[in-house]
Amino acid sequence: NPQTNDFDSYLPEGIFRYFPFTVMFEDSHNNMWY
């Protein structure tokens, strides 16, 4: 968050926190991959 120079938690509804995240990607259609 550049306004506060801090970090906000980000987790879209539909993703579970059971396993650690390793990589994030945005495709040419603006779909996000986790």
All heavy atoms as atom14 arrays in JSON, in Angstrom:
{
  "sequence": "NPQTNDFDSYLPEGIFRYFPFTVMFEDSHNNMWY",
  "atom14_mask": [
    [1, 1, 1, 1, 1, 1, 1, 1, 0, 0, 0, 0, 0, 0],
    [1, 1, 1, 1, 1, 1, 1, 0, 0, 0, 0, 0, 0, 0],
    [1, 1, 1, 1, 1, 1, 1, 1, 1, 0, 0, 0, 0, 0],
    [1, 1, 1, 1, 1, 1, 1, 0, 0, 0, 0, 0, 0, 0],
    [1, 1, 1, 1, 1, 1, 1, 1, 0, 0, 0, 0, 0, 0],
    [1, 1, 1, 1, 1, 1, 1, 1, 0, 0, 0, 0, 0, 0],
    [1, 1, 1, 1, 1, 1, 1, 1, 1, 1, 1, 0, 0, 0],
    [1, 1, 1, 1, 1, 1, 1, 1, 0, 0, 0, 0, 0, 0],
    [1, 1, 1, 1, 1, 1, 0, 0, 0, 0, 0, 0, 0, 0],
    [1, 1, 1, 1, 1, 1, 1, 1, 1, 1, 1, 1, 0, 0],
    [1, 1, 1, 1, 1, 1, 1, 1, 0, 0, 0, 0, 0, 0],
    [1, 1, 1, 1, 1, 1, 1, 0, 0, 0, 0, 0, 0, 0],
    [1, 1, 1, 1, 1, 1, 1, 1, 1, 0, 0, 0, 0, 0],
    [1, 1, 1, 1, 0, 0, 0, 0, 0, 0, 0, 0, 0, 0],
    [1, 1, 1, 1, 1, 1, 1, 1, 0, 0, 0, 0, 0, 0],
    [1, 1, 1, 1, 1, 1, 1, 1, 1, 1, 1, 0, 0, 0],
    [1, 1, 1, 1, 1, 1, 1, 1, 1, 1, 1, 0, 0, 0],
    [1, 1, 1, 1, 1, 1, 1, 1, 1, 1, 1, 1, 0, 0],
    [1, 1, 1, 1, 1, 1, 1, 1, 1, 1, 1, 0, 0, 0],
    [1, 1, 1, 1, 1, 1, 1, 0, 0, 0, 0, 0, 0, 0],
    [1, 1, 1, 1, 1, 1, 1, 1, 1, 1, 1, 0, 0, 0],
    [1, 1, 1, 1, 1, 1, 1, 0, 0, 0, 0, 0, 0, 0],
    [1, 1, 1, 1, 1, 1, 1, 0, 0, 0, 0, 0, 0, 0],
    [1, 1, 1, 1, 1, 1, 1, 1, 0, 0, 0, 0, 0, 0],
    [1, 1, 1, 1, 1, 1, 1, 1, 1, 1, 1, 0, 0, 0],
    [1, 1, 1, 1, 1, 1, 1, 1, 1, 0, 0, 0, 0, 0],
    [1, 1, 1, 1, 1, 1, 1, 1, 0, 0, 0, 0, 0, 0],
    [1, 1, 1, 1, 1, 1, 0, 0, 0, 0, 0, 0, 0, 0],
    [1, 1, 1, 1, 1, 1, 1, 1, 1, 1, 0, 0, 0, 0],
    [1, 1, 1, 1, 1, 1, 1, 1, 0, 0, 0, 0, 0, 0],
    [1, 1, 1, 1, 1, 1, 1, 1, 0, 0, 0, 0, 0, 0],
    [1, 1, 1, 1, 1, 1, 1, 1, 0, 0, 0, 0, 0, 0],
    [1, 1, 1, 1, 1, 1, 1, 1, 1, 1, 1, 1, 1, 1],
    [1, 1, 1, 1, 1, 1, 1, 1, 1, 1, 1, 1, 0, 0]
  ],
  "atom14_positions": [
    [[0.86, -1.18, 0.0], [0.0, 0.0, 0.0], [0.9, 1.24, 0.0], [1.47, 1.6, 1.03], [-0.9, 0.0, 1.24], [-1.92, 1.12, 1.23], [-1.69, 2.17, 0.65], [-3.05, 0.89, 1.87], [0.0, 0.0, 0.0], [0.0, 0.0, 0.0], [0.0, 0.0, 0.0], [0.0, 0.0, 0.0], [0.0, 0.0, 0.0], [0.0, 0.0, 0.0]],
    [[1.06, 1.92, -1.14], [1.97, 3.06, -1.2], [1.5, 4.25, -0.37], [2.32, 5.09, 0.04], [2.02, 3.4, -2.7], [0.76, 2.83, -3.25], [0.46, 1.61, -2.45], [0.0, 0.0, 0.0], [0.0, 0.0, 0.0], [0.0, 0.0, 0.0], [0.0, 0.0, 0.0], [0.0, 0.0, 0.0], [0.0, 0.0, 0.0], [0.0, 0.0, 0.0]],
    [[0.19, 4.34, -0.08], [-0.32, 5.46, 0.71], [0.14, 5.35, 2.17], [0.46, 6.36, 2.81], [-1.85, 5.5, 0.67], [-2.42, 6.16, -0.57], [-2.24, 5.29, -1.81], [-2.46, 4.09, -1.77], [-1.84, 5.91, -2.92], [0.0, 0.0, 0.0], [0.0, 0.0, 0.0], [0.0, 0.0, 0.0], [0.0, 0.0, 0.0], [0.0, 0.0, 0.0]],
    [[0.2, 4.13, 2.69], [0.6, 3.94, 4.09], [2.03, 3.4, 4.21], [2.54, 3.27, 5.31], [-0.35, 2.95, 4.78], [-0.27, 1.67, 4.11], [-1.79, 3.45, 4.73], [0.0, 0.0, 0.0], [0.0, 0.0, 0.0], [0.0, 0.0, 0.0], [0.0, 0.0, 0.0], [0.0, 0.0, 0.0], [0.0, 0.0, 0.0], [0.0, 0.0, 0.0]],
    [[2.64, 3.08, 3.05], [3.96, 2.44, 3.04], [3.95, 1.18, 3.9], [4.87, 0.92, 4.68], [5.05, 3.4, 3.52], [6.45, 2.89, 3.2], [6.67, 2.22, 2.18], [7.4, 3.18, 4.07], [0.0, 0.0, 0.0], [0.0, 0.0, 0.0], [0.0, 0.0, 0.0], [0.0, 0.0, 0.0], [0.0, 0.0, 0.0], [0.0, 0.0, 0.0]],
    [[2.89, 0.41, 3.74], [2.71, -0.82, 4.52], [2.11, -1.88, 3.61], [1.96, -1.67, 2.41], [1.82, -0.54, 5.73], [2.19, -1.36, 6.94], [2.68, -2.5, 6.75], [1.99, -0.89, 8.08], [0.0, 0.0, 0.0], [0.0, 0.0, 0.0], [0.0, 0.0, 0.0], [0.0, 0.0, 0.0], [0.0, 0.0, 0.0], [0.0, 0.0, 0.0]],
    [[1.72, -3.01, 4.19], [1.25, -4.14, 3.41], [-0.11, -4.61, 3.93], [-0.29, -4.8, 5.13], [2.26, -5.28, 3.48], [3.61, -4.91, 2.97], [4.54, -4.29, 3.8], [3.95, -5.11, 1.64], [5.78, -3.91, 3.33], [5.19, -4.74, 1.16], [6.12, -4.13, 2.0], [0.0, 0.0, 0.0], [0.0, 0.0, 0.0], [0.0, 0.0, 0.0]],
    [[-1.05, -4.77, 3.0], [-2.38, -5.23, 3.35], [-2.54, -6.69, 2.95], [-2.03, -7.12, 1.91], [-3.45, -4.4, 2.63], [-3.35, -2.92, 2.95], [-3.05, -2.6, 4.11], [-3.57, -2.1, 2.03], [0.0, 0.0, 0.0], [0.0, 0.0, 0.0], [0.0, 0.0, 0.0], [0.0, 0.0, 0.0], [0.0, 0.0, 0.0], [0.0, 0.0, 0.0]],
    [[-3.27, -7.43, 3.75], [-3.54, -8.83, 3.42], [-4.44, -8.89, 2.2], [-5.4, -8.13, 2.07], [-4.2, -9.53, 4.61], [-4.35, -10.91, 4.36], [0.0, 0.0, 0.0], [0.0, 0.0, 0.0], [0.0, 0.0, 0.0], [0.0, 0.0, 0.0], [0.0, 0.0, 0.0], [0.0, 0.0, 0.0], [0.0, 0.0, 0.0], [0.0, 0.0, 0.0]],
    [[-4.12, -9.8, 1.28], [-4.88, -9.91, 0.03], [-5.19, -11.38, -0.19], [-4.28, -12.2, -0.38], [-4.06, -9.36, -1.14], [-4.64, -9.66, -2.5], [-5.6, -8.84, -3.07], [-4.21, -10.78, -3.23], [-6.13, -9.1, -4.32], [-4.74, -11.05, -4.48], [-5.69, -10.21, -5.03], [-6.21, -10.49, -6.26], [0.0, 0.0, 0.0], [0.0, 0.0, 0.0]],
    [[-6.45, -11.73, -0.15], [-6.84, -13.12, -0.41], [-8.25, -13.14, -0.97], [-9.22, -13.04, -0.21], [-6.75, -13.97, 0.86], [-6.7, -15.48, 0.62], [-5.4, -15.86, -0.11], [-6.78, -16.24, 1.91], [0.0, 0.0, 0.0], [0.0, 0.0, 0.0], [0.0, 0.0, 0.0], [0.0, 0.0, 0.0], [0.0, 0.0, 0.0], [0.0, 0.0, 0.0]],
    [[-8.41, -13.23, -2.29], [-9.74, -13.22, -2.89], [-10.61, -14.37, -2.37], [-10.11, -15.45, -2.08], [-9.45, -13.4, -4.39], [-8.04, -12.98, -4.56], [-7.35, -13.36, -3.29], [0.0, 0.0, 0.0], [0.0, 0.0, 0.0], [0.0, 0.0, 0.0], [0.0, 0.0, 0.0], [0.0, 0.0, 0.0], [0.0, 0.0, 0.0], [0.0, 0.0, 0.0]],
    [[-11.88, -14.1, -2.25], [-12.82, -15.14, -1.8], [-12.83, -16.28, -2.82], [-12.98, -16.06, -4.01], [-14.22, -14.55, -1.65], [-15.23, -15.52, -1.07], [-16.58, -14.87, -0.83], [-16.69, -13.64, -1.01], [-17.52, -15.59, -0.49], [0.0, 0.0, 0.0], [0.0, 0.0, 0.0], [0.0, 0.0, 0.0], [0.0, 0.0, 0.0], [0.0, 0.0, 0.0]],
    [[-12.66, -17.48, -2.33], [-12.62, -18.64, -3.21], [-11.29, -19.36, -3.18], [-11.16, -20.47, -3.7], [0.0, 0.0, 0.0], [0.0, 0.0, 0.0], [0.0, 0.0, 0.0], [0.0, 0.0, 0.0], [0.0, 0.0, 0.0], [0.0, 0.0, 0.0], [0.0, 0.0, 0.0], [0.0, 0.0, 0.0], [0.0, 0.0, 0.0], [0.0, 0.0, 0.0]],
    [[-10.28, -18.72, -2.56], [-8.98, -19.35, -2.38], [-8.85, -19.76, -0.91], [-9.2, -19.0, -0.01], [-7.83, -18.4, -2.76], [-7.78, -18.19, -4.25], [-6.49, -18.94, -2.29], [-6.59, -17.4, -4.72], [0.0, 0.0, 0.0], [0.0, 0.0, 0.0], [0.0, 0.0, 0.0], [0.0, 0.0, 0.0], [0.0, 0.0, 0.0], [0.0, 0.0, 0.0]],
    [[-8.34, -20.95, -0.68], [-8.17, -21.44, 0.68], [-6.71, -21.32, 1.12], [-5.78, -21.39, 0.32], [-8.62, -22.9, 0.77], [-10.06, -23.09, 0.37], [-10.38, -23.6, -0.89], [-11.08, -22.74, 1.23], [-11.71, -23.76, -1.27], [-12.4, -22.89, 0.86], [-12.72, -23.4, -0.39], [0.0, 0.0, 0.0], [0.0, 0.0, 0.0], [0.0, 0.0, 0.0]],
    [[-6.48, -21.16, 2.4], [-5.15, -20.96, 2.95], [-4.55, -22.26, 3.49], [-3.75, -22.23, 4.4], [-5.2, -19.95, 4.09], [-5.65, -18.57, 3.69], [-5.38, -17.59, 4.8], [-5.99, -16.29, 4.53], [-5.61, -15.18, 5.1], [-4.63, -15.18, 5.97], [-6.21, -14.04, 4.83], [0.0, 0.0, 0.0], [0.0, 0.0, 0.0], [0.0, 0.0, 0.0]],
    [[-4.92, -23.37, 2.93], [-4.42, -24.64, 3.43], [-2.97, -24.9, 3.03], [-2.25, -25.62, 3.72], [-5.29, -25.79, 2.93], [-6.75, -25.7, 3.34], [-7.76, -26.07, 2.46], [-7.11, -25.24, 4.6], [-9.09, -26.0, 2.83], [-8.44, -25.16, 4.97], [-9.43, -25.54, 4.08], [-10.74, -25.46, 4.45], [0.0, 0.0, 0.0], [0.0, 0.0, 0.0]],
    [[-2.54, -24.34, 1.92], [-1.2, -24.6, 1.4], [-0.48, -23.28, 1.09], [-1.1, -22.34, 0.6], [-1.27, -25.46, 0.13], [-1.93, -26.79, 0.33], [-3.3, -26.95, 0.1], [-1.2, -27.88, 0.75], [-3.91, -28.18, 0.28], [-1.8, -29.12, 0.94], [-3.16, -29.26, 0.71], [0.0, 0.0, 0.0], [0.0, 0.0, 0.0], [0.0, 0.0, 0.0]],
    [[0.82, -23.22, 1.33], [1.57, -21.97, 1.05], [1.53, -21.61, -0.43], [1.56, -22.48, -1.3], [2.99, -22.32, 1.49], [2.85, -23.44, 2.46], [1.67, -24.23, 1.98], [0.0, 0.0, 0.0], [0.0, 0.0, 0.0], [0.0, 0.0, 0.0], [0.0, 0.0, 0.0], [0.0, 0.0, 0.0], [0.0, 0.0, 0.0], [0.0, 0.0, 0.0]],
    [[1.49, -20.32, -0.71], [1.52, -19.83, -2.08], [2.97, -19.74, -2.56], [3.86, -19.34, -1.82], [0.86, -18.46, -2.18], [-0.6, -18.48, -1.85], [-1.06, -18.09, -0.6], [-1.53, -18.91, -2.79], [-2.42, -18.12, -0.3], [-2.89, -18.96, -2.51], [-3.33, -18.56, -1.24], [0.0, 0.0, 0.0], [0.0, 0.0, 0.0], [0.0, 0.0, 0.0]],
    [[3.19, -20.13, -3.81], [4.54, -20.15, -4.36], [4.74, -19.2, -5.54], [5.84, -18.7, -5.74], [4.89, -21.58, -4.85], [3.86, -22.02, -5.76], [4.99, -22.54, -3.68], [0.0, 0.0, 0.0], [0.0, 0.0, 0.0], [0.0, 0.0, 0.0], [0.0, 0.0, 0.0], [0.0, 0.0, 0.0], [0.0, 0.0, 0.0], [0.0, 0.0, 0.0]],
    [[3.69, -18.95, -6.31], [3.85, -18.12, -7.5], [2.49, -17.51, -7.87], [1.44, -18.1, -7.62], [4.41, -18.95, -8.69], [3.48, -20.07, -9.07], [4.71, -18.07, -9.88], [0.0, 0.0, 0.0], [0.0, 0.0, 0.0], [0.0, 0.0, 0.0], [0.0, 0.0, 0.0], [0.0, 0.0, 0.0], [0.0, 0.0, 0.0], [0.0, 0.0, 0.0]],
    [[2.55, -16.31, -8.46], [1.35, -15.58, -8.86], [1.6, -15.06, -10.28], [2.7, -14.63, -10.61], [1.12, -14.43, -7.88], [-0.18, -13.71, -8.0], [-0.35, -12.58, -6.57], [-1.74, -11.6, -7.14], [0.0, 0.0, 0.0], [0.0, 0.0, 0.0], [0.0, 0.0, 0.0], [0.0, 0.0, 0.0], [0.0, 0.0, 0.0], [0.0, 0.0, 0.0]],
    [[0.55, -15.08, -11.12], [0.73, -14.7, -12.52], [-0.57, -14.1, -13.05], [-1.67, -14.54, -12.69], [1.12, -15.93, -13.35], [1.27, -15.66, -14.82], [2.39, -15.0, -15.3], [0.29, -16.05, -15.72], [2.53, -14.74, -16.66], [0.42, -15.79, -17.08], [1.55, -15.13, -17.54], [0.0, 0.0, 0.0], [0.0, 0.0, 0.0], [0.0, 0.0, 0.0]],
    [[-0.44, -13.11, -13.94], [-1.59, -12.51, -14.61], [-1.47, -12.74, -16.1], [-0.45, -12.41, -16.71], [-1.65, -11.01, -14.32], [-2.84, -10.31, -14.96], [-2.87, -8.82, -14.63], [-1.86, -8.3, -14.12], [-3.9, -8.18, -14.92], [0.0, 0.0, 0.0], [0.0, 0.0, 0.0], [0.0, 0.0, 0.0], [0.0, 0.0, 0.0], [0.0, 0.0, 0.0]],
    [[-2.51, -13.33, -16.71], [-2.42, -13.62, -18.14], [-2.92, -12.42, -18.97], [-3.3, -11.38, -18.44], [-3.15, -14.92, -18.48], [-4.66, -14.87, -18.29], [-5.25, -13.77, -18.36], [-5.27, -15.94, -18.08], [0.0, 0.0, 0.0], [0.0, 0.0, 0.0], [0.0, 0.0, 0.0], [0.0, 0.0, 0.0], [0.0, 0.0, 0.0], [0.0, 0.0, 0.0]],
    [[-2.93, -12.59, -20.29], [-3.27, -11.49, -21.2], [-4.75, -11.11, -21.14], [-5.14, -10.07, -21.68], [-2.9, -11.88, -22.64], [-3.56, -13.07, -23.02], [0.0, 0.0, 0.0], [0.0, 0.0, 0.0], [0.0, 0.0, 0.0], [0.0, 0.0, 0.0], [0.0, 0.0, 0.0], [0.0, 0.0, 0.0], [0.0, 0.0, 0.0], [0.0, 0.0, 0.0]],
    [[-5.57, -11.94, -20.5], [-6.99, -11.62, -20.33], [-7.28, -11.08, -18.93], [-8.45, -11.0, -18.53], [-7.84, -12.87, -20.59], [-7.69, -13.42, -21.98], [-8.16, -12.79, -23.11], [-7.09, -14.56, -22.42], [-7.88, -13.51, -24.18], [-7.22, -14.59, -23.8], [0.0, 0.0, 0.0], [0.0, 0.0, 0.0], [0.0, 0.0, 0.0], [0.0, 0.0, 0.0]],
    [[-6.23, -10.75, -18.2], [-6.31, -10.24, -16.83], [-6.82, -11.27, -15.82], [-7.23, -10.92, -14.71], [-7.19, -8.98, -16.75], [-6.65, -7.85, -17.59], [-7.32, -7.39, -18.53], [-5.46, -7.4, -17.3], [0.0, 0.0, 0.0], [0.0, 0.0, 0.0], [0.0, 0.0, 0.0], [0.0, 0.0, 0.0], [0.0, 0.0, 0.0], [0.0, 0.0, 0.0]],
    [[-6.78, -12.54, -16.21], [-7.07, -13.59, -15.25], [-5.84, -13.78, -14.35], [-4.7, -13.7, -14.81], [-7.38, -14.91, -15.95], [-8.55, -14.8, -16.89], [-9.58, -14.23, -16.55], [-8.41, -15.33, -18.09], [0.0, 0.0, 0.0], [0.0, 0.0, 0.0], [0.0, 0.0, 0.0], [0.0, 0.0, 0.0], [0.0, 0.0, 0.0], [0.0, 0.0, 0.0]],
    [[-6.08, -14.04, -13.08], [-5.0, -14.23, -12.12], [-4.84, -15.72, -11.82], [-5.83, -16.44, -11.63], [-5.27, -13.47, -10.83], [-5.43, -11.97, -11.01], [-3.96, -11.14, -11.69], [-2.81, -11.38, -10.33], [0.0, 0.0, 0.0], [0.0, 0.0, 0.0], [0.0, 0.0, 0.0], [0.0, 0.0, 0.0], [0.0, 0.0, 0.0], [0.0, 0.0, 0.0]],
    [[-3.58, -16.16, -11.75], [-3.25, -17.55, -11.45], [-2.42, -17.59, -10.17], [-1.51, -16.78, -9.98], [-2.46, -18.17, -12.59], [-3.19, -18.21, -13.9], [-3.41, -17.17, -14.75], [-3.8, -19.35, -14.51], [-4.11, -17.58, -15.86], [-4.37, -18.93, -15.74], [-3.92, -20.7, -14.15], [-5.04, -19.78, -16.59], [-4.58, -21.56, -15.0], [-5.14, -21.11, -16.2]],
    [[-2.76, -18.56, -9.29], [-2.08, -18.69, -8.01], [-1.59, -20.13, -7.85], [-2.4, -21.07, -7.78], [-3.03, -18.35, -6.86], [-3.68, -17.0, -6.97], [-4.87, -16.84, -7.7], [-3.13, -15.88, -6.35], [-5.47, -15.6, -7.81], [-3.74, -14.63, -6.45], [-4.91, -14.5, -7.18], [-5.51, -13.27, -7.29], [0.0, 0.0, 0.0], [0.0, 0.0, 0.0]]
  ]
}
